[in-house]
Amino acid sequence: MIIILKMGTTVEQIEETSTRLTEEGFKVHFSQGVEKTIMGAIGDRSRMKALDLEALPWVEKVVPILASYKLVSREFHAADSIIRVGGQEIGGSRIHVMAGPCAVESKAQIMETAYAVRESGATFLRGGAFKPRTSPYSFQGLEEEGLRYLAEARDETGLLVITEVIDAQDVSLVAHYADVLQIGARNMQNFVLLKEVAKCGKPVLLKRGPSATLEEWMMAAEYILDGGNYQVMFCERGIRTFESYTRNTLDLSMVPALHALSHLPIIVDPSHGTGKWQLIHPMAKAALAAGADGLIVEVHPHPEKAVSDGKQSLTPEKFQIMMADLARLTTALDRQLGEVSS
């Protein structure tokens, strides 16, 4: 349920309303607008009638949320949410590009990539230190050593770091080094992990599962918000279909769909969404045209030597060409590419 309070409601009146709800077993969340405060109450709807909150003079109205997702819904928070991290804002007028290799392979590799993508206009450095792979014999990542390399690259270039966490036990470790924690597609419904990242205090990028519906994806985000972390971004990275030419089918219809249903920003991953470096540039443009708030793109100085996902990685030179094209496109869209904070 949503409780909309009238303009001018005092702190004491808000606290009284919250107390009434919690005493009846409701979990209360707040959304502060410019003029009004909205309270989200999650619990047994049958007990709401007994409270008769609309009889309180400072309550404007009580509105039921019919969708299964509550906190991620625009019904709860009408305005676009802005995710603030390291001086950057995601979800506003600026479009941010997160770029880097699939896996951190060495200090030299991640440093070379970091300087290259920063020069072309990226604001975030992506790179996997923990790698969930289909085969147990494939490279699994450098783990904490890789996290240290990412942190060193941030210190030298000013790029913010986004990296994946795959185990609930590693959340505090990854959060110590990273600015944004990524939940990969395979872990979208790892509810233990979702509950743990809700406690970490860092923004979370939630990738869509390869077979997940829109509602399942939004409900996964609901776990994180319900745990107290409202700094969540969706990431469309393609879904599994009958098509075999591409690695996945990049579902760009989710960009306007999510903007209509949710207040949270959405990032698009054209690298995993296609699996082919030749398709990254055109699909990146299509994603921004559809309204994406940012991109996450794989870039490797030597894709032919990459330990993972070389076929879907741009070279720094190709990335630079794409970024120049995106700069022109964002101007036409009345937006701007983000810039590294000085």
C-alpha atoms as a PDB file:
ATOM      1  CA  MET A   1       0.000   0.000   0.000  1.00  0.00           C
ATOM      2  CA  ILE A   2       1.044   3.607  -0.604  1.00  0.00           C
ATOM      3  CA  ILE A   3       0.173   6.296   1.924  1.00  0.00           C
ATOM      4  CA  ILE A   4       0.388   9.778   0.418  1.00  0.00           C
ATOM      5  CA  LEU A   5       0.823  12.486   3.045  1.00  0.00           C
ATOM      6  CA  LYS A   6      -0.363  16.042   2.571  1.00  0.00           C
ATOM      7  CA  MET A   7       2.008  18.933   2.020  1.00  0.00           C
ATOM      8  CA  GLY A   8       3.201  20.331   5.337  1.00  0.00           C
ATOM      9  CA  THR A   9       2.959  17.068   7.272  1.00  0.00           C
ATOM     10  CA  THR A  10       5.221  17.339  10.326  1.00  0.00           C
ATOM     11  CA  VAL A  11       7.950  14.932  11.389  1.00  0.00           C
ATOM     12  CA  GLU A  12       5.874  13.988  14.436  1.00  0.00           C
ATOM     13  CA  GLN A  13       2.877  13.118  12.251  1.00  0.00           C
ATOM     14  CA  ILE A  14       5.060  11.018   9.956  1.00  0.00           C
ATOM     15  CA  GLU A  15       6.479   9.175  12.966  1.00  0.00           C
ATOM     16  CA  GLU A  16       2.990   8.545  14.355  1.00  0.00           C
ATOM     17  CA  THR A  17       1.851   7.086  11.039  1.00  0.00           C
ATOM     18  CA  SER A  18       4.967   4.926  10.830  1.00  0.00           C
ATOM     19  CA  THR A  19       4.467   3.676  14.388  1.00  0.00           C
ATOM     20  CA  ARG A  20       0.868   2.681  13.695  1.00  0.00           C
ATOM     21  CA  LEU A  21       1.958   0.713  10.656  1.00  0.00           C
ATOM     22  CA  THR A  22       4.881  -1.076  12.297  1.00  0.00           C
ATOM     23  CA  GLU A  23       2.735  -2.036  15.287  1.00  0.00           C
ATOM     24  CA  GLU A  24       0.419  -3.820  12.854  1.00  0.00           C
ATOM     25  CA  GLY A  25       3.336  -5.715  11.336  1.00  0.00           C
ATOM     26  CA  PHE A  26       3.955  -3.562   8.250  1.00  0.00           C
ATOM     27  CA  LYS A  27       7.429  -2.827   6.926  1.00  0.00           C
ATOM     28  CA  VAL A  28       7.595   0.896   6.151  1.00  0.00           C
ATOM     29  CA  HIS A  29       9.621   2.609   3.410  1.00  0.00           C
ATOM     30  CA  PHE A  30       9.782   6.325   2.639  1.00  0.00           C
ATOM     31  CA  SER A  31       9.922   8.227  -0.643  1.00  0.00           C
ATOM     32  CA  GLN A  32      10.489  11.954  -0.190  1.00  0.00           C
ATOM     33  CA  GLY A  33       9.257  14.104  -3.061  1.00  0.00           C
ATOM     34  CA  VAL A  34       9.631  17.833  -3.574  1.00  0.00           C
ATOM     35  CA  GLU A  35       6.204  18.602  -2.132  1.00  0.00           C
ATOM     36  CA  LYS A  36       4.924  15.407  -0.539  1.00  0.00           C
ATOM     37  CA  THR A  37       6.100  12.395   1.414  1.00  0.00           C
ATOM     38  CA  ILE A  38       5.008   8.950   0.288  1.00  0.00           C
ATOM     39  CA  MET A  39       5.096   5.969   2.614  1.00  0.00           C
ATOM     40  CA  GLY A  40       5.175   2.436   1.294  1.00  0.00           C
ATOM     41  CA  ALA A  41       3.690  -0.143   3.652  1.00  0.00           C
ATOM     42  CA  ILE A  42       4.356  -3.806   2.929  1.00  0.00           C
ATOM     43  CA  GLY A  43       2.410  -6.406   4.864  1.00  0.00           C
ATOM     44  CA  ASP A  44      -1.020  -7.965   5.302  1.00  0.00           C
ATOM     45  CA  ARG A  45      -3.416  -5.747   3.331  1.00  0.00           C
ATOM     46  CA  SER A  46      -6.405  -6.986   5.339  1.00  0.00           C
ATOM     47  CA  ARG A  47      -5.012  -5.241   8.429  1.00  0.00           C
ATOM     48  CA  MET A  48      -4.850  -1.868   6.673  1.00  0.00           C
ATOM     49  CA  LYS A  49      -8.602  -1.315   6.941  1.00  0.00           C
ATOM     50  CA  ALA A  50      -8.491  -1.522  10.727  1.00  0.00           C
ATOM     51  CA  LEU A  51      -5.932   1.294  10.817  1.00  0.00           C
ATOM     52  CA  ASP A  52      -8.247   3.658   8.907  1.00  0.00           C
ATOM     53  CA  LEU A  53      -5.309   5.897   8.018  1.00  0.00           C
ATOM     54  CA  GLU A  54      -7.391   8.084   5.726  1.00  0.00           C
ATOM     55  CA  ALA A  55      -9.129   9.381   8.855  1.00  0.00           C
ATOM     56  CA  LEU A  56      -5.877  11.062   9.883  1.00  0.00           C
ATOM     57  CA  PRO A  57      -6.003  14.747   8.860  1.00  0.00           C
ATOM     58  CA  TRP A  58      -2.507  14.697   7.334  1.00  0.00           C
ATOM     59  CA  VAL A  59      -3.121  11.651   5.114  1.00  0.00           C
ATOM     60  CA  GLU A  60      -4.230  12.598   1.612  1.00  0.00           C
ATOM     61  CA  LYS A  61      -5.065   9.084   0.453  1.00  0.00           C
ATOM     62  CA  VAL A  62      -4.157   5.412   0.692  1.00  0.00           C
ATOM     63  CA  VAL A  63      -3.563   3.629  -2.609  1.00  0.00           C
ATOM     64  CA  PRO A  64      -3.122  -0.126  -3.074  1.00  0.00           C
ATOM     65  CA  ILE A  65      -0.233  -1.323  -5.242  1.00  0.00           C
ATOM     66  CA  LEU A  66      -1.625  -4.119  -7.369  1.00  0.00           C
ATOM     67  CA  ALA A  67       1.680  -5.246  -8.885  1.00  0.00           C
ATOM     68  CA  SER A  68       3.722  -7.861  -7.030  1.00  0.00           C
ATOM     69  CA  TYR A  69       6.717  -5.502  -7.017  1.00  0.00           C
ATOM     70  CA  LYS A  70       6.277  -2.496  -4.743  1.00  0.00           C
ATOM     71  CA  LEU A  71       9.407  -0.474  -3.999  1.00  0.00           C
ATOM     72  CA  VAL A  72      10.789  -0.575  -7.547  1.00  0.00           C
ATOM     73  CA  SER A  73       7.465   0.654  -8.913  1.00  0.00           C
ATOM     74  CA  ARG A  74       6.751   4.168 -10.149  1.00  0.00           C
ATOM     75  CA  GLU A  75       3.620   4.013  -8.035  1.00  0.00           C
ATOM     76  CA  PHE A  76       5.892   4.160  -4.991  1.00  0.00           C
ATOM     77  CA  HIS A  77       8.395   6.665  -6.411  1.00  0.00           C
ATOM     78  CA  ALA A  78       7.132   8.661  -9.382  1.00  0.00           C
ATOM     79  CA  ALA A  79      10.323  10.580 -10.208  1.00  0.00           C
ATOM     80  CA  ASP A  80      13.379   8.969 -11.796  1.00  0.00           C
ATOM     81  CA  SER A  81      15.837   7.754  -9.170  1.00  0.00           C
ATOM     82  CA  ILE A  82      19.363   9.113  -9.409  1.00  0.00           C
ATOM     83  CA  ILE A  83      22.169   6.781  -8.340  1.00  0.00           C
ATOM     84  CA  ARG A  84      25.042   8.815  -6.899  1.00  0.00           C
ATOM     85  CA  VAL A  85      28.453   7.216  -6.798  1.00  0.00           C
ATOM     86  CA  GLY A  86      31.881   8.815  -6.579  1.00  0.00           C
ATOM     87  CA  GLY A  87      30.708  12.207  -7.785  1.00  0.00           C
ATOM     88  CA  GLN A  88      28.770  10.732 -10.721  1.00  0.00           C
ATOM     89  CA  GLU A  89      25.002  10.590 -11.177  1.00  0.00           C
ATOM     90  CA  ILE A  90      23.367   7.746 -13.085  1.00  0.00           C
ATOM     91  CA  GLY A  91      19.787   8.168 -14.201  1.00  0.00           C
ATOM     92  CA  GLY A  92      19.894  11.870 -14.980  1.00  0.00           C
ATOM     93  CA  SER A  93      20.717  13.738 -18.163  1.00  0.00           C
ATOM     94  CA  ARG A  94      24.223  12.274 -18.449  1.00  0.00           C
ATOM     95  CA  ILE A  95      24.818   8.877 -20.020  1.00  0.00           C
ATOM     96  CA  HIS A  96      27.635   6.862 -18.475  1.00  0.00           C
ATOM     97  CA  VAL A  97      29.715   4.244 -20.247  1.00  0.00           C
ATOM     98  CA  MET A  98      31.316   1.434 -18.251  1.00  0.00           C
ATOM     99  CA  ALA A  99      34.119  -0.237 -20.163  1.00  0.00           C
ATOM    100  CA  GLY A 100      36.878  -2.759 -19.670  1.00  0.00           C
ATOM    101  CA  PRO A 101      37.795  -6.416 -20.119  1.00  0.00           C
ATOM    102  CA  CYS A 102      35.616  -9.370 -19.263  1.00  0.00           C
ATOM    103  CA  ALA A 103      38.304 -10.564 -16.851  1.00  0.00           C
ATOM    104  CA  VAL A 104      41.179  -8.884 -15.056  1.00  0.00           C
ATOM    105  CA  GLU A 105      44.136 -10.883 -16.357  1.00  0.00           C
ATOM    106  CA  SER A 106      47.112  -8.868 -15.099  1.00  0.00           C
ATOM    107  CA  LYS A 107      47.996  -5.460 -13.708  1.00  0.00           C
ATOM    108  CA  ALA A 108      49.502  -4.383 -17.025  1.00  0.00           C
ATOM    109  CA  GLN A 109      46.384  -5.413 -18.951  1.00  0.00           C
ATOM    110  CA  ILE A 110      43.925  -3.598 -16.684  1.00  0.00           C
ATOM    111  CA  MET A 111      46.078  -0.449 -16.525  1.00  0.00           C
ATOM    112  CA  GLU A 112      46.449  -0.292 -20.301  1.00  0.00           C
ATOM    113  CA  THR A 113      42.715  -0.749 -20.739  1.00  0.00           C
ATOM    114  CA  ALA A 114      41.823   1.787 -18.047  1.00  0.00           C
ATOM    115  CA  TYR A 115      43.888   4.564 -19.607  1.00  0.00           C
ATOM    116  CA  ALA A 116      42.519   3.753 -23.068  1.00  0.00           C
ATOM    117  CA  VAL A 117      38.828   3.782 -22.142  1.00  0.00           C
ATOM    118  CA  ARG A 118      39.252   6.901 -20.009  1.00  0.00           C
ATOM    119  CA  GLU A 119      40.833   8.701 -22.952  1.00  0.00           C
ATOM    120  CA  SER A 120      37.800   7.816 -25.079  1.00  0.00           C
ATOM    121  CA  GLY A 121      35.240   9.028 -22.533  1.00  0.00           C
ATOM    122  CA  ALA A 122      34.313   6.125 -20.252  1.00  0.00           C
ATOM    123  CA  THR A 123      33.598   7.020 -16.624  1.00  0.00           C
ATOM    124  CA  PHE A 124      33.616   3.510 -15.131  1.00  0.00           C
ATOM    125  CA  LEU A 125      36.111   0.669 -15.429  1.00  0.00           C
ATOM    126  CA  ARG A 126      34.581  -2.786 -15.599  1.00  0.00           C
ATOM    127  CA  GLY A 127      36.506  -6.010 -15.080  1.00  0.00           C
ATOM    128  CA  GLY A 128      35.853  -9.386 -13.515  1.00  0.00           C
ATOM    129  CA  ALA A 129      37.970 -10.552 -10.583  1.00  0.00           C
ATOM    130  CA  PHE A 130      35.627 -13.454  -9.793  1.00  0.00           C
ATOM    131  CA  LYS A 131      34.488 -15.233 -12.951  1.00  0.00           C
ATOM    132  CA  PRO A 132      31.538 -17.668 -12.931  1.00  0.00           C
ATOM    133  CA  ARG A 133      32.272 -19.810 -15.980  1.00  0.00           C
ATOM    134  CA  THR A 134      30.252 -22.510 -17.705  1.00  0.00           C
ATOM    135  CA  SER A 135      33.222 -24.881 -17.580  1.00  0.00           C
ATOM    136  CA  PRO A 136      35.035 -25.616 -14.299  1.00  0.00           C
ATOM    137  CA  TYR A 137      38.264 -25.796 -16.320  1.00  0.00           C
ATOM    138  CA  SER A 138      38.013 -22.222 -17.615  1.00  0.00           C
ATOM    139  CA  PHE A 139      39.805 -19.249 -16.048  1.00  0.00           C
ATOM    140  CA  GLN A 140      37.988 -18.377 -12.811  1.00  0.00           C
ATOM    141  CA  GLY A 141      39.532 -14.973 -12.114  1.00  0.00           C
ATOM    142  CA  LEU A 142      42.341 -13.476 -10.011  1.00  0.00           C
ATOM    143  CA  GLU A 143      39.969 -12.856  -7.082  1.00  0.00           C
ATOM    144  CA  GLU A 144      41.354 -10.372  -4.504  1.00  0.00           C
ATOM    145  CA  GLU A 145      44.505  -9.785  -6.530  1.00  0.00           C
ATOM    146  CA  GLY A 146      42.291  -8.681  -9.409  1.00  0.00           C
ATOM    147  CA  LEU A 147      40.308  -6.413  -7.089  1.00  0.00           C
ATOM    148  CA  ARG A 148      43.533  -4.721  -6.008  1.00  0.00           C
ATOM    149  CA  TYR A 149      44.495  -4.104  -9.633  1.00  0.00           C
ATOM    150  CA  LEU A 150      41.088  -2.527 -10.290  1.00  0.00           C
ATOM    151  CA  ALA A 151      41.468  -0.265  -7.249  1.00  0.00           C
ATOM    152  CA  GLU A 152      44.946   0.785  -8.380  1.00  0.00           C
ATOM    153  CA  ALA A 153      43.584   1.599 -11.831  1.00  0.00           C
ATOM    154  CA  ARG A 154      40.898   3.766 -10.219  1.00  0.00           C
ATOM    155  CA  ASP A 155      43.524   5.602  -8.174  1.00  0.00           C
ATOM    156  CA  GLU A 156      45.600   6.332 -11.279  1.00  0.00           C
ATOM    157  CA  THR A 157      42.842   7.204 -13.762  1.00  0.00           C
ATOM    158  CA  GLY A 158      39.895   8.467 -11.711  1.00  0.00           C
ATOM    159  CA  LEU A 159      37.592   5.866 -13.250  1.00  0.00           C
ATOM    160  CA  LEU A 160      35.059   4.328 -10.882  1.00  0.00           C
ATOM    161  CA  VAL A 161      35.142   0.540 -10.564  1.00  0.00           C
ATOM    162  CA  ILE A 162      32.314  -1.897 -11.224  1.00  0.00           C
ATOM    163  CA  THR A 163      32.912  -5.612 -10.750  1.00  0.00           C
ATOM    164  CA  GLU A 164      30.887  -8.747 -10.170  1.00  0.00           C
ATOM    165  CA  VAL A 165      30.323 -10.477  -6.851  1.00  0.00           C
ATOM    166  CA  ILE A 166      29.249 -14.110  -7.138  1.00  0.00           C
ATOM    167  CA  ASP A 167      29.139 -15.323  -3.533  1.00  0.00           C
ATOM    168  CA  ALA A 168      27.393 -13.832  -0.508  1.00  0.00           C
ATOM    169  CA  GLN A 169      30.525 -14.500   1.548  1.00  0.00           C
ATOM    170  CA  ASP A 170      32.555 -12.194  -0.719  1.00  0.00           C
ATOM    171  CA  VAL A 171      30.240  -9.161  -0.650  1.00  0.00           C
ATOM    172  CA  SER A 172      32.171  -7.247   2.015  1.00  0.00           C
ATOM    173  CA  LEU A 173      35.473  -8.008   0.275  1.00  0.00           C
ATOM    174  CA  VAL A 174      34.276  -6.823  -3.135  1.00  0.00           C
ATOM    175  CA  ALA A 175      32.547  -3.783  -1.606  1.00  0.00           C
ATOM    176  CA  HIS A 176      35.857  -2.806   0.011  1.00  0.00           C
ATOM    177  CA  TYR A 177      37.467  -2.376  -3.423  1.00  0.00           C
ATOM    178  CA  ALA A 178      34.593  -1.604  -5.818  1.00  0.00           C
ATOM    179  CA  ASP A 179      32.346   1.424  -6.261  1.00  0.00           C
ATOM    180  CA  VAL A 180      29.491  -0.589  -7.800  1.00  0.00           C
ATOM    181  CA  LEU A 181      28.735  -4.276  -7.252  1.00  0.00           C
ATOM    182  CA  GLN A 182      27.441  -6.245 -10.216  1.00  0.00           C
ATOM    183  CA  ILE A 183      25.031  -9.152  -9.859  1.00  0.00           C
ATOM    184  CA  GLY A 184      25.533 -11.321 -12.920  1.00  0.00           C
ATOM    185  CA  ALA A 185      22.797 -12.926 -14.984  1.00  0.00           C
ATOM    186  CA  ARG A 186      23.343 -16.358 -13.427  1.00  0.00           C
ATOM    187  CA  ASN A 187      22.813 -14.896  -9.959  1.00  0.00           C
ATOM    188  CA  MET A 188      19.779 -12.723 -10.647  1.00  0.00           C
ATOM    189  CA  GLN A 189      17.647 -14.995  -8.457  1.00  0.00           C
ATOM    190  CA  ASN A 190      20.335 -15.898  -5.933  1.00  0.00           C
ATOM    191  CA  PHE A 191      18.235 -14.521  -3.097  1.00  0.00           C
ATOM    192  CA  VAL A 192      20.883 -15.037  -0.415  1.00  0.00           C
ATOM    193  CA  LEU A 193      23.283 -12.916  -2.467  1.00  0.00           C
ATOM    194  CA  LEU A 194      20.615 -10.279  -3.176  1.00  0.00           C
ATOM    195  CA  LYS A 195      19.872  -9.925   0.538  1.00  0.00           C
ATOM    196  CA  GLU A 196      23.577  -9.581   1.299  1.00  0.00           C
ATOM    197  CA  VAL A 197      24.263  -6.832  -1.261  1.00  0.00           C
ATOM    198  CA  ALA A 198      21.270  -4.996   0.188  1.00  0.00           C
ATOM    199  CA  LYS A 199      23.376  -4.515   3.329  1.00  0.00           C
ATOM    200  CA  CYS A 200      26.631  -3.437   1.677  1.00  0.00           C
ATOM    201  CA  GLY A 201      25.900   0.270   1.251  1.00  0.00           C
ATOM    202  CA  LYS A 202      27.170   0.320  -2.346  1.00  0.00           C
ATOM    203  CA  PRO A 203      25.213   0.748  -5.606  1.00  0.00           C
ATOM    204  CA  VAL A 204      24.238  -2.490  -7.328  1.00  0.00           C
ATOM    205  CA  LEU A 205      23.966  -3.292 -11.041  1.00  0.00           C
ATOM    206  CA  LEU A 206      21.441  -6.112 -11.440  1.00  0.00           C
ATOM    207  CA  LYS A 207      21.733  -8.022 -14.696  1.00  0.00           C
ATOM    208  CA  ARG A 208      18.717  -9.741 -16.182  1.00  0.00           C
ATOM    209  CA  GLY A 209      18.761 -13.522 -16.067  1.00  0.00           C
ATOM    210  CA  PRO A 210      19.034 -15.273 -19.450  1.00  0.00           C
ATOM    211  CA  SER A 211      15.451 -16.559 -19.228  1.00  0.00           C
ATOM    212  CA  ALA A 212      13.942 -14.041 -16.813  1.00  0.00           C
ATOM    213  CA  THR A 213      10.660 -12.272 -17.410  1.00  0.00           C
ATOM    214  CA  LEU A 214      10.311  -8.573 -16.709  1.00  0.00           C
ATOM    215  CA  GLU A 215       8.382  -9.256 -13.503  1.00  0.00           C
ATOM    216  CA  GLU A 216      10.952 -11.772 -12.240  1.00  0.00           C
ATOM    217  CA  TRP A 217      13.712  -9.251 -12.884  1.00  0.00           C
ATOM    218  CA  MET A 218      11.857  -6.497 -11.045  1.00  0.00           C
ATOM    219  CA  MET A 219      11.108  -8.820  -8.138  1.00  0.00           C
ATOM    220  CA  ALA A 220      14.830  -9.588  -7.857  1.00  0.00           C
ATOM    221  CA  ALA A 221      15.470  -5.847  -7.546  1.00  0.00           C
ATOM    222  CA  GLU A 222      12.687  -5.697  -4.956  1.00  0.00           C
ATOM    223  CA  TYR A 223      14.753  -7.961  -2.691  1.00  0.00           C
ATOM    224  CA  ILE A 224      17.583  -5.422  -2.675  1.00  0.00           C
ATOM    225  CA  LEU A 225      15.361  -2.401  -2.056  1.00  0.00           C
ATOM    226  CA  ASP A 226      13.403  -4.261   0.605  1.00  0.00           C
ATOM    227  CA  GLY A 227      16.724  -4.874   2.353  1.00  0.00           C
ATOM    228  CA  GLY A 228      17.331  -1.127   2.541  1.00  0.00           C
ATOM    229  CA  ASN A 229      19.525  -0.480  -0.509  1.00  0.00           C
ATOM    230  CA  TYR A 230      17.769   1.834  -2.971  1.00  0.00           C
ATOM    231  CA  GLN A 231      20.866   2.298  -5.154  1.00  0.00           C
ATOM    232  CA  VAL A 232      19.958  -0.257  -7.796  1.00  0.00           C
ATOM    233  CA  MET A 233      20.371  -0.185 -11.574  1.00  0.00           C
ATOM    234  CA  PHE A 234      18.893  -2.677 -14.002  1.00  0.00           C
ATOM    235  CA  CYS A 235      21.089  -4.095 -16.766  1.00  0.00           C
ATOM    236  CA  GLU A 236      19.617  -5.614 -19.926  1.00  0.00           C
ATOM    237  CA  ARG A 237      22.194  -8.083 -21.286  1.00  0.00           C
ATOM    238  CA  GLY A 238      20.133 -10.213 -23.630  1.00  0.00           C
ATOM    239  CA  ILE A 239      17.946 -13.263 -23.172  1.00  0.00           C
ATOM    240  CA  ARG A 240      18.074 -16.793 -24.522  1.00  0.00           C
ATOM    241  CA  THR A 241      15.858 -17.367 -27.564  1.00  0.00           C
ATOM    242  CA  PHE A 242      15.803 -19.783 -30.499  1.00  0.00           C
ATOM    243  CA  GLU A 243      18.197 -17.486 -32.398  1.00  0.00           C
ATOM    244  CA  SER A 244      21.686 -18.986 -32.639  1.00  0.00           C
ATOM    245  CA  TYR A 245      23.483 -16.338 -34.715  1.00  0.00           C
ATOM    246  CA  THR A 246      23.994 -14.104 -31.680  1.00  0.00           C
ATOM    247  CA  ARG A 247      25.046 -15.216 -28.209  1.00  0.00           C
ATOM    248  CA  ASN A 248      21.808 -13.781 -26.782  1.00  0.00           C
ATOM    249  CA  THR A 249      18.922 -11.695 -28.071  1.00  0.00           C
ATOM    250  CA  LEU A 250      19.293  -8.129 -26.816  1.00  0.00           C
ATOM    251  CA  ASP A 251      15.793  -7.127 -25.713  1.00  0.00           C
ATOM    252  CA  LEU A 252      15.800  -3.347 -26.071  1.00  0.00           C
ATOM    253  CA  SER A 253      12.037  -3.215 -25.566  1.00  0.00           C
ATOM    254  CA  MET A 254      12.858  -3.574 -21.870  1.00  0.00           C
ATOM    255  CA  VAL A 255      14.376  -0.083 -21.779  1.00  0.00           C
ATOM    256  CA  PRO A 256      11.141   1.883 -22.337  1.00  0.00           C
ATOM    257  CA  ALA A 257       9.153  -0.816 -20.522  1.00  0.00           C
ATOM    258  CA  LEU A 258      11.234  -0.446 -17.369  1.00  0.00           C
ATOM    259  CA  HIS A 259      11.191   3.334 -17.577  1.00  0.00           C
ATOM    260  CA  ALA A 260       7.394   3.151 -17.662  1.00  0.00           C
ATOM    261  CA  LEU A 261       7.093   0.737 -14.734  1.00  0.00           C
ATOM    262  CA  SER A 262      10.065   1.611 -12.526  1.00  0.00           C
ATOM    263  CA  HIS A 263      11.953   4.649 -11.283  1.00  0.00           C
ATOM    264  CA  LEU A 264      15.335   2.877 -11.355  1.00  0.00           C
ATOM    265  CA  PRO A 265      17.957   3.542 -14.082  1.00  0.00           C
ATOM    266  CA  ILE A 266      18.675   0.977 -16.781  1.00  0.00           C
ATOM    267  CA  ILE A 267      22.033   0.124 -18.337  1.00  0.00           C
ATOM    268  CA  VAL A 268      22.424  -1.949 -21.519  1.00  0.00           C
ATOM    269  CA  ASP A 269      25.173  -4.498 -22.226  1.00  0.00           C
ATOM    270  CA  PRO A 270      25.531  -4.894 -26.017  1.00  0.00           C
ATOM    271  CA  SER A 271      28.606  -7.114 -25.590  1.00  0.00           C
ATOM    272  CA  HIS A 272      26.828 -10.013 -23.882  1.00  0.00           C
ATOM    273  CA  GLY A 273      23.619  -9.068 -25.654  1.00  0.00           C
ATOM    274  CA  THR A 274      25.109  -9.975 -29.031  1.00  0.00           C
ATOM    275  CA  GLY A 275      28.350 -11.870 -28.425  1.00  0.00           C
ATOM    276  CA  LYS A 276      29.881 -10.271 -31.526  1.00  0.00           C
ATOM    277  CA  TRP A 277      32.149  -7.235 -31.471  1.00  0.00           C
ATOM    278  CA  GLN A 278      30.817  -6.140 -34.878  1.00  0.00           C
ATOM    279  CA  LEU A 279      27.335  -5.650 -33.396  1.00  0.00           C
ATOM    280  CA  ILE A 280      28.316  -3.710 -30.272  1.00  0.00           C
ATOM    281  CA  HIS A 281      28.525  -0.278 -31.912  1.00  0.00           C
ATOM    282  CA  PRO A 282      25.123  -0.345 -33.679  1.00  0.00           C
ATOM    283  CA  MET A 283      23.348  -1.914 -30.698  1.00  0.00           C
ATOM    284  CA  ALA A 284      24.906   0.635 -28.338  1.00  0.00           C
ATOM    285  CA  LYS A 285      23.406   3.406 -30.461  1.00  0.00           C
ATOM    286  CA  ALA A 286      20.053   1.628 -30.521  1.00  0.00           C
ATOM    287  CA  ALA A 287      20.136   1.273 -26.725  1.00  0.00           C
ATOM    288  CA  LEU A 288      20.681   4.994 -26.203  1.00  0.00           C
ATOM    289  CA  ALA A 289      17.983   5.829 -28.731  1.00  0.00           C
ATOM    290  CA  ALA A 290      15.614   3.600 -26.736  1.00  0.00           C
ATOM    291  CA  GLY A 291      16.366   5.627 -23.599  1.00  0.00           C
ATOM    292  CA  ALA A 292      19.107   3.699 -21.776  1.00  0.00           C
ATOM    293  CA  ASP A 293      20.886   5.576 -18.986  1.00  0.00           C
ATOM    294  CA  GLY A 294      24.230   4.000 -19.775  1.00  0.00           C
ATOM    295  CA  LEU A 295      26.178   1.180 -21.379  1.00  0.00           C
ATOM    296  CA  ILE A 296      28.522  -1.511 -20.127  1.00  0.00           C
ATOM    297  CA  VAL A 297      30.911  -2.622 -22.868  1.00  0.00           C
ATOM    298  CA  GLU A 298      33.776  -5.088 -23.022  1.00  0.00           C
ATOM    299  CA  VAL A 299      37.083  -3.619 -24.217  1.00  0.00           C
ATOM    300  CA  HIS A 300      40.390  -5.488 -24.380  1.00  0.00           C
ATOM    301  CA  PRO A 301      43.753  -4.259 -25.735  1.00  0.00           C
ATOM    302  CA  HIS A 302      44.273  -7.621 -27.467  1.00  0.00           C
ATOM    303  CA  PRO A 303      40.934  -9.441 -27.868  1.00  0.00           C
ATOM    304  CA  GLU A 304      42.557 -12.313 -29.753  1.00  0.00           C
ATOM    305  CA  LYS A 305      44.572 -13.104 -26.606  1.00  0.00           C
ATOM    306  CA  ALA A 306      41.767 -12.587 -24.071  1.00  0.00           C
ATOM    307  CA  VAL A 307      41.191 -15.443 -21.627  1.00  0.00           C
ATOM    308  CA  SER A 308      37.425 -14.910 -21.951  1.00  0.00           C
ATOM    309  CA  ASP A 309      34.943 -13.202 -24.285  1.00  0.00           C
ATOM    310  CA  GLY A 310      37.483 -11.968 -26.814  1.00  0.00           C
ATOM    311  CA  LYS A 311      34.933 -12.324 -29.614  1.00  0.00           C
ATOM    312  CA  GLN A 312      32.652  -9.769 -27.984  1.00  0.00           C
ATOM    313  CA  SER A 313      35.352  -7.282 -26.979  1.00  0.00           C
ATOM    314  CA  LEU A 314      36.200  -4.064 -28.777  1.00  0.00           C
ATOM    315  CA  THR A 315      39.784  -2.955 -29.237  1.00  0.00           C
ATOM    316  CA  PRO A 316      40.576   0.471 -27.728  1.00  0.00           C
ATOM    317  CA  GLU A 317      40.657   1.885 -31.261  1.00  0.00           C
ATOM    318  CA  LYS A 318      37.175   0.582 -32.101  1.00  0.00           C
ATOM    319  CA  PHE A 319      35.909   1.751 -28.722  1.00  0.00           C
ATOM    320  CA  GLN A 320      37.190   5.259 -29.445  1.00  0.00           C
ATOM    321  CA  ILE A 321      35.333   5.328 -32.773  1.00  0.00           C
ATOM    322  CA  MET A 322      32.137   4.174 -31.072  1.00  0.00           C
ATOM    323  CA  MET A 323      32.412   6.768 -28.302  1.00  0.00           C
ATOM    324  CA  ALA A 324      32.848   9.591 -30.813  1.00  0.00           C
ATOM    325  CA  ASP A 325      29.699   8.405 -32.561  1.00  0.00           C
ATOM    326  CA  LEU A 326      27.806   8.149 -29.265  1.00  0.00           C
ATOM    327  CA  ALA A 327      28.800  11.703 -28.357  1.00  0.00           C
ATOM    328  CA  ARG A 328      27.067  12.955 -31.496  1.00  0.00           C
ATOM    329  CA  LEU A 329      24.026  10.795 -30.785  1.00  0.00           C
ATOM    330  CA  THR A 330      23.637  11.962 -27.181  1.00  0.00           C
ATOM    331  CA  THR A 331      23.625  15.567 -28.388  1.00  0.00           C
ATOM    332  CA  ALA A 332      20.747  14.741 -30.719  1.00  0.00           C
ATOM    333  CA  LEU A 333      18.961  13.085 -27.777  1.00  0.00           C
ATOM    334  CA  ASP A 334      19.442  16.249 -25.686  1.00  0.00           C
ATOM    335  CA  ARG A 335      21.708  14.368 -23.290  1.00  0.00           C
ATOM    336  CA  GLN A 336      25.457  14.260 -22.640  1.00  0.00           C
ATOM    337  CA  LEU A 337      28.091  11.628 -22.043  1.00  0.00           C
ATOM    338  CA  GLY A 338      29.439  11.553 -18.509  1.00  0.00           C
ATOM    339  CA  GLU A 339      32.908  12.833 -17.711  1.00  0.00           C
ATOM    340  CA  VAL A 340      35.495  11.599 -15.230  1.00  0.00           C
ATOM    341  CA  SER A 341      35.330  13.648 -12.033  1.00  0.00           C
ATOM    342  CA  SER A 342      38.417  15.769 -11.518  1.00  0.00           C
END
